[in-house]
Every structure is written in structure tokens, then in C-alpha cells.
Amino acid sequence: MLRVLGLALLLFATTTIAEVRDVQTYFFQPKLGDFKSELQTARKEGKTGVLIMFQMADCPFCERMKSTVLNQSEVQDYYRKHFLVFEMDVKGDTPMVDFKGVNTTEKDFALKNRARATPTFLFFDTHGDLITRYIGVTKDANEFLLLGRYVVDGVYKDKPFAAYKQQAQQ
């Protein structure tokens, strides 16, 4: 009897552990450098929009998000289902085309969108309009999933994320 109970607990424990996967492969999508074109892809695929994580090299908070939240399979699957997801270097000189079709660099695009602290997560709709921003790290994967639902469900139109999060915790 004790053996059966132990086996049942072991099975339950292994099914509740989230799979950890590579962030670059399973969370971020490769950038083509033309975000106007990416909007067409997002619309064609029925996405809610585009999520860009603004980060920089040696940012400990960016690394924390990548190693504790963005590497979780549940987070990756949810975000890839609803968004095209990219990362961008706030100090990068890589040329790109913004959502309006203007040639720029990653650094200038970050400045234009007031992404100064890292990480900054900006959510854009399928027309390239900024719909919400989140600066810093989330407490855990569940809070980051809540942020995704906040955008996908359109709650950002009616209340700030802090109020939504507080209501969800009650």
C-alpha cells in the first residue's frame, strides 16, 4: 500500500514539473529585421500581436527572466500561440525596419519606444500600435502568464496590470 502511494506521488510530482527549454529556440523567434512585414505574418497567423523584449548584454535581470521564466515550456507555448516574440538589444546598431516601414536601428527603435531600462516588454497590436508595456522582471512564470492573458483578453483597455494582477490574486 505504501509503495502504491509513493508511486502515485511520484507520478503526480513529475507531471506538475514544467519542462525547461532553450529560450532562443522556443521563446524568441528569429528576426528578419522588417517589423512591418512581421505584422502581416502576425495577422495572417491570427496572433494578438507582437511582443518585444528589450534587453542588453550582461543585464542580470534579463538573464533572470530568461533562466527562470522564459525557459518554461508553458510560458513559451502560451506566448508563441498568441504573439510573435522577439528580443532586441537596446544598444544594438543592427539595422531594421520599424512597424511603420521606417529604416532605423535597434537602439533608435528602443529610444523611440522609451525602452530604457532592461528588461522592458512591449506589446504591439497587429497594426504596430503599442498596447502595453511592462518594465522589469516578473515574480515568476505565473505572473508572466498573467501578463500575457491581460493583453490577450484585452483587459489592458480597461485597467492597469497592477489592478488586474491584484484582482486575480483574490
C-alpha atoms as a PDB file:
ATOM      1  CA  MET A   1       0.000   0.000   0.000  1.00  0.00           C
ATOM      2  CA  LEU A   2       2.792   2.406   0.912  1.00  0.00           C
ATOM      3  CA  ARG A   3       4.567   1.544  -2.327  1.00  0.00           C
ATOM      4  CA  VAL A   4       1.459   2.360  -4.392  1.00  0.00           C
ATOM      5  CA  LEU A   5       1.044   5.685  -2.580  1.00  0.00           C
ATOM      6  CA  GLY A   6       4.707   6.524  -3.177  1.00  0.00           C
ATOM      7  CA  LEU A   7       4.395   5.689  -6.887  1.00  0.00           C
ATOM      8  CA  ALA A   8       1.255   7.817  -7.190  1.00  0.00           C
ATOM      9  CA  LEU A   9       3.000  10.763  -5.532  1.00  0.00           C
ATOM     10  CA  LEU A  10       5.999  10.346  -7.805  1.00  0.00           C
ATOM     11  CA  LEU A  11       3.803  10.342 -10.912  1.00  0.00           C
ATOM     12  CA  PHE A  12       1.916  13.414  -9.701  1.00  0.00           C
ATOM     13  CA  ALA A  13       5.142  15.274  -8.921  1.00  0.00           C
ATOM     14  CA  THR A  14       6.643  14.583 -12.339  1.00  0.00           C
ATOM     15  CA  THR A  15       3.524  15.763 -14.173  1.00  0.00           C
ATOM     16  CA  THR A  16       3.475  19.101 -12.342  1.00  0.00           C
ATOM     17  CA  ILE A  17       7.096  19.980 -13.062  1.00  0.00           C
ATOM     18  CA  ALA A  18       7.278  22.306 -16.046  1.00  0.00           C
ATOM     19  CA  GLU A  19       9.601  21.389 -18.831  1.00  0.00           C
ATOM     20  CA  VAL A  20      12.569  23.722 -19.171  1.00  0.00           C
ATOM     21  CA  ARG A  21      13.548  24.514 -22.756  1.00  0.00           C
ATOM     22  CA  ASP A  22      16.060  26.721 -24.534  1.00  0.00           C
ATOM     23  CA  VAL A  23      14.858  30.329 -24.661  1.00  0.00           C
ATOM     24  CA  GLN A  24      16.428  31.217 -28.005  1.00  0.00           C
ATOM     25  CA  THR A  25      14.874  28.208 -29.725  1.00  0.00           C
ATOM     26  CA  TYR A  26      11.447  28.009 -28.103  1.00  0.00           C
ATOM     27  CA  PHE A  27      10.575  31.525 -26.946  1.00  0.00           C
ATOM     28  CA  PHE A  28      12.142  34.070 -29.274  1.00  0.00           C
ATOM     29  CA  GLN A  29      11.646  33.931 -32.998  1.00  0.00           C
ATOM     30  CA  PRO A  30      14.412  34.785 -35.433  1.00  0.00           C
ATOM     31  CA  LYS A  31      14.261  38.426 -36.510  1.00  0.00           C
ATOM     32  CA  LEU A  32      14.065  39.179 -40.180  1.00  0.00           C
ATOM     33  CA  GLY A  33      14.651  42.854 -39.410  1.00  0.00           C
ATOM     34  CA  ASP A  34      11.419  44.011 -41.072  1.00  0.00           C
ATOM     35  CA  PHE A  35       8.770  44.509 -38.429  1.00  0.00           C
ATOM     36  CA  LYS A  36       6.241  45.896 -40.897  1.00  0.00           C
ATOM     37  CA  SER A  37       6.405  42.506 -42.609  1.00  0.00           C
ATOM     38  CA  GLU A  38       6.179  40.747 -39.222  1.00  0.00           C
ATOM     39  CA  LEU A  39       2.826  42.472 -38.639  1.00  0.00           C
ATOM     40  CA  GLN A  40       1.481  40.848 -41.805  1.00  0.00           C
ATOM     41  CA  THR A  41       2.666  37.481 -40.507  1.00  0.00           C
ATOM     42  CA  ALA A  42       1.013  38.114 -37.127  1.00  0.00           C
ATOM     43  CA  ARG A  43      -2.300  38.990 -38.777  1.00  0.00           C
ATOM     44  CA  LYS A  44      -2.095  36.010 -41.142  1.00  0.00           C
ATOM     45  CA  GLU A  45      -1.427  33.637 -38.233  1.00  0.00           C
ATOM     46  CA  GLY A  46      -4.253  35.105 -36.111  1.00  0.00           C
ATOM     47  CA  LYS A  47      -1.922  36.383 -33.384  1.00  0.00           C
ATOM     48  CA  THR A  48      -2.908  39.014 -30.848  1.00  0.00           C
ATOM     49  CA  GLY A  49       0.214  40.961 -31.752  1.00  0.00           C
ATOM     50  CA  VAL A  50       3.951  41.230 -31.337  1.00  0.00           C
ATOM     51  CA  LEU A  51       5.924  41.094 -28.094  1.00  0.00           C
ATOM     52  CA  ILE A  52       9.403  42.563 -27.990  1.00  0.00           C
ATOM     53  CA  MET A  53      11.721  42.044 -25.035  1.00  0.00           C
ATOM     54  CA  PHE A  54      14.219  44.897 -24.948  1.00  0.00           C
ATOM     55  CA  GLN A  55      17.397  43.669 -23.278  1.00  0.00           C
ATOM     56  CA  MET A  56      21.125  44.260 -23.239  1.00  0.00           C
ATOM     57  CA  ALA A  57      24.235  42.189 -22.724  1.00  0.00           C
ATOM     58  CA  ASP A  58      25.191  41.485 -19.116  1.00  0.00           C
ATOM     59  CA  CYS A  59      21.780  42.573 -17.785  1.00  0.00           C
ATOM     60  CA  PRO A  60      21.271  40.389 -14.682  1.00  0.00           C
ATOM     61  CA  PHE A  61      17.510  40.981 -14.702  1.00  0.00           C
ATOM     62  CA  CYS A  62      17.245  39.909 -18.351  1.00  0.00           C
ATOM     63  CA  GLU A  63      19.204  36.761 -17.546  1.00  0.00           C
ATOM     64  CA  ARG A  64      16.945  36.077 -14.570  1.00  0.00           C
ATOM     65  CA  MET A  65      13.854  36.296 -16.790  1.00  0.00           C
ATOM     66  CA  LYS A  66      15.438  34.002 -19.353  1.00  0.00           C
ATOM     67  CA  SER A  67      16.640  31.414 -16.825  1.00  0.00           C
ATOM     68  CA  THR A  68      13.579  31.278 -14.548  1.00  0.00           C
ATOM     69  CA  VAL A  69      10.537  32.375 -16.594  1.00  0.00           C
ATOM     70  CA  LEU A  70      11.058  32.467 -20.355  1.00  0.00           C
ATOM     71  CA  ASN A  71      12.587  28.977 -20.360  1.00  0.00           C
ATOM     72  CA  GLN A  72       9.378  27.389 -19.027  1.00  0.00           C
ATOM     73  CA  SER A  73       7.513  25.346 -21.656  1.00  0.00           C
ATOM     74  CA  GLU A  74       4.105  26.615 -20.517  1.00  0.00           C
ATOM     75  CA  VAL A  75       5.240  30.233 -20.928  1.00  0.00           C
ATOM     76  CA  GLN A  76       6.824  29.523 -24.307  1.00  0.00           C
ATOM     77  CA  ASP A  77       3.795  27.684 -25.650  1.00  0.00           C
ATOM     78  CA  TYR A  78       1.342  30.357 -24.492  1.00  0.00           C
ATOM     79  CA  TYR A  79       3.301  33.292 -25.835  1.00  0.00           C
ATOM     80  CA  ARG A  80       4.167  31.651 -29.149  1.00  0.00           C
ATOM     81  CA  LYS A  81       0.476  30.796 -29.611  1.00  0.00           C
ATOM     82  CA  HIS A  82      -0.654  34.413 -29.163  1.00  0.00           C
ATOM     83  CA  PHE A  83       2.313  36.569 -30.205  1.00  0.00           C
ATOM     84  CA  LEU A  84       5.276  36.815 -32.476  1.00  0.00           C
ATOM     85  CA  VAL A  85       8.046  37.142 -29.889  1.00  0.00           C
ATOM     86  CA  PHE A  86      11.372  38.903 -30.468  1.00  0.00           C
ATOM     87  CA  GLU A  87      14.254  40.214 -28.426  1.00  0.00           C
ATOM     88  CA  MET A  88      16.022  43.458 -29.183  1.00  0.00           C
ATOM     89  CA  ASP A  89      19.261  44.976 -27.928  1.00  0.00           C
ATOM     90  CA  VAL A  90      18.692  48.491 -26.537  1.00  0.00           C
ATOM     91  CA  LYS A  91      22.261  49.351 -27.524  1.00  0.00           C
ATOM     92  CA  GLY A  92      22.216  47.499 -30.837  1.00  0.00           C
ATOM     93  CA  ASP A  93      23.294  49.064 -34.100  1.00  0.00           C
ATOM     94  CA  THR A  94      21.600  46.355 -36.152  1.00  0.00           C
ATOM     95  CA  PRO A  95      19.587  47.920 -38.984  1.00  0.00           C
ATOM     96  CA  MET A  96      15.862  47.215 -39.024  1.00  0.00           C
ATOM     97  CA  VAL A  97      12.546  48.418 -40.422  1.00  0.00           C
ATOM     98  CA  ASP A  98      10.023  49.534 -37.794  1.00  0.00           C
ATOM     99  CA  PHE A  99       6.273  48.822 -37.800  1.00  0.00           C
ATOM    100  CA  LYS A 100       5.588  51.899 -39.980  1.00  0.00           C
ATOM    101  CA  GLY A 101       8.167  50.874 -42.595  1.00  0.00           C
ATOM    102  CA  VAL A 102      10.863  53.347 -41.494  1.00  0.00           C
ATOM    103  CA  ASN A 103      14.522  52.286 -41.623  1.00  0.00           C
ATOM    104  CA  THR A 104      16.158  52.569 -38.202  1.00  0.00           C
ATOM    105  CA  THR A 105      18.412  50.679 -35.790  1.00  0.00           C
ATOM    106  CA  GLU A 106      17.517  48.590 -32.749  1.00  0.00           C
ATOM    107  CA  LYS A 107      18.974  51.285 -30.467  1.00  0.00           C
ATOM    108  CA  ASP A 108      16.947  54.087 -32.083  1.00  0.00           C
ATOM    109  CA  PHE A 109      13.795  51.959 -32.086  1.00  0.00           C
ATOM    110  CA  ALA A 110      14.298  51.281 -28.369  1.00  0.00           C
ATOM    111  CA  LEU A 111      14.751  55.004 -27.655  1.00  0.00           C
ATOM    112  CA  LYS A 112      11.695  55.919 -29.729  1.00  0.00           C
ATOM    113  CA  ASN A 113       9.646  53.436 -27.693  1.00  0.00           C
ATOM    114  CA  ARG A 114      11.106  54.589 -24.356  1.00  0.00           C
ATOM    115  CA  ALA A 115      12.694  51.219 -23.625  1.00  0.00           C
ATOM    116  CA  ARG A 116      15.499  52.462 -21.414  1.00  0.00           C
ATOM    117  CA  ALA A 117      15.546  50.016 -18.504  1.00  0.00           C
ATOM    118  CA  THR A 118      16.003  46.328 -19.172  1.00  0.00           C
ATOM    119  CA  PRO A 119      14.190  44.150 -19.484  1.00  0.00           C
ATOM    120  CA  THR A 120      11.283  46.067 -20.968  1.00  0.00           C
ATOM    121  CA  PHE A 121       8.467  44.092 -22.565  1.00  0.00           C
ATOM    122  CA  LEU A 122       6.424  45.973 -25.160  1.00  0.00           C
ATOM    123  CA  PHE A 123       3.251  44.519 -26.603  1.00  0.00           C
ATOM    124  CA  PHE A 124       2.151  45.818 -30.001  1.00  0.00           C
ATOM    125  CA  ASP A 125      -1.147  45.074 -31.731  1.00  0.00           C
ATOM    126  CA  THR A 126      -1.248  43.762 -35.305  1.00  0.00           C
ATOM    127  CA  HIS A 127      -1.206  47.341 -36.631  1.00  0.00           C
ATOM    128  CA  GLY A 128       2.065  48.138 -34.847  1.00  0.00           C
ATOM    129  CA  ASP A 129       0.498  50.281 -32.138  1.00  0.00           C
ATOM    130  CA  LEU A 130       1.839  49.938 -28.609  1.00  0.00           C
ATOM    131  CA  ILE A 131      -0.841  48.467 -26.377  1.00  0.00           C
ATOM    132  CA  THR A 132       1.013  47.908 -23.105  1.00  0.00           C
ATOM    133  CA  ARG A 133       4.453  47.874 -21.539  1.00  0.00           C
ATOM    134  CA  TYR A 134       5.955  46.009 -18.622  1.00  0.00           C
ATOM    135  CA  ILE A 135       9.298  47.080 -17.201  1.00  0.00           C
ATOM    136  CA  GLY A 136      11.419  44.726 -15.115  1.00  0.00           C
ATOM    137  CA  VAL A 137      11.127  41.123 -14.060  1.00  0.00           C
ATOM    138  CA  THR A 138       8.015  39.274 -13.053  1.00  0.00           C
ATOM    139  CA  LYS A 139       7.881  37.407  -9.767  1.00  0.00           C
ATOM    140  CA  ASP A 140       7.592  34.066 -11.552  1.00  0.00           C
ATOM    141  CA  ALA A 141       6.253  32.281 -14.632  1.00  0.00           C
ATOM    142  CA  ASN A 142       2.666  32.514 -13.375  1.00  0.00           C
ATOM    143  CA  GLU A 143       2.840  36.300 -13.189  1.00  0.00           C
ATOM    144  CA  PHE A 144       4.292  36.443 -16.714  1.00  0.00           C
ATOM    145  CA  LEU A 145       1.460  34.202 -17.951  1.00  0.00           C
ATOM    146  CA  LEU A 146      -0.988  36.533 -16.218  1.00  0.00           C
ATOM    147  CA  LEU A 147       0.591  39.439 -18.105  1.00  0.00           C
ATOM    148  CA  GLY A 148       0.018  37.575 -21.362  1.00  0.00           C
ATOM    149  CA  ARG A 149      -3.638  36.925 -20.514  1.00  0.00           C
ATOM    150  CA  TYR A 150      -4.007  40.595 -19.565  1.00  0.00           C
ATOM    151  CA  VAL A 151      -3.082  41.505 -23.137  1.00  0.00           C
ATOM    152  CA  VAL A 152      -4.757  38.629 -24.984  1.00  0.00           C
ATOM    153  CA  ASP A 153      -8.075  39.138 -23.151  1.00  0.00           C
ATOM    154  CA  GLY A 154      -7.973  42.896 -23.819  1.00  0.00           C
ATOM    155  CA  VAL A 155      -8.072  43.849 -20.141  1.00  0.00           C
ATOM    156  CA  TYR A 156      -5.346  46.456 -20.813  1.00  0.00           C
ATOM    157  CA  LYS A 157      -8.092  48.613 -22.367  1.00  0.00           C
ATOM    158  CA  ASP A 158      -9.884  48.990 -19.020  1.00  0.00           C
ATOM    159  CA  LYS A 159      -7.374  48.773 -16.181  1.00  0.00           C
ATOM    160  CA  PRO A 160      -3.676  48.788 -15.370  1.00  0.00           C
ATOM    161  CA  PHE A 161      -1.878  45.486 -14.983  1.00  0.00           C
ATOM    162  CA  ALA A 162      -1.307  46.061 -11.244  1.00  0.00           C
ATOM    163  CA  ALA A 163      -5.087  46.227 -10.655  1.00  0.00           C
ATOM    164  CA  TYR A 164      -5.666  43.179 -12.840  1.00  0.00           C
ATOM    165  CA  LYS A 165      -2.971  41.233 -11.007  1.00  0.00           C
ATOM    166  CA  GLN A 166      -4.383  42.190  -7.597  1.00  0.00           C
ATOM    167  CA  GLN A 167      -7.879  41.143  -8.668  1.00  0.00           C
ATOM    168  CA  ALA A 168      -6.548  37.811  -9.980  1.00  0.00           C
ATOM    169  CA  GLN A 169      -4.847  37.086  -6.627  1.00  0.00           C
ATOM    170  CA  GLN A 170      -8.068  37.447  -4.653  1.00  0.00           C
END
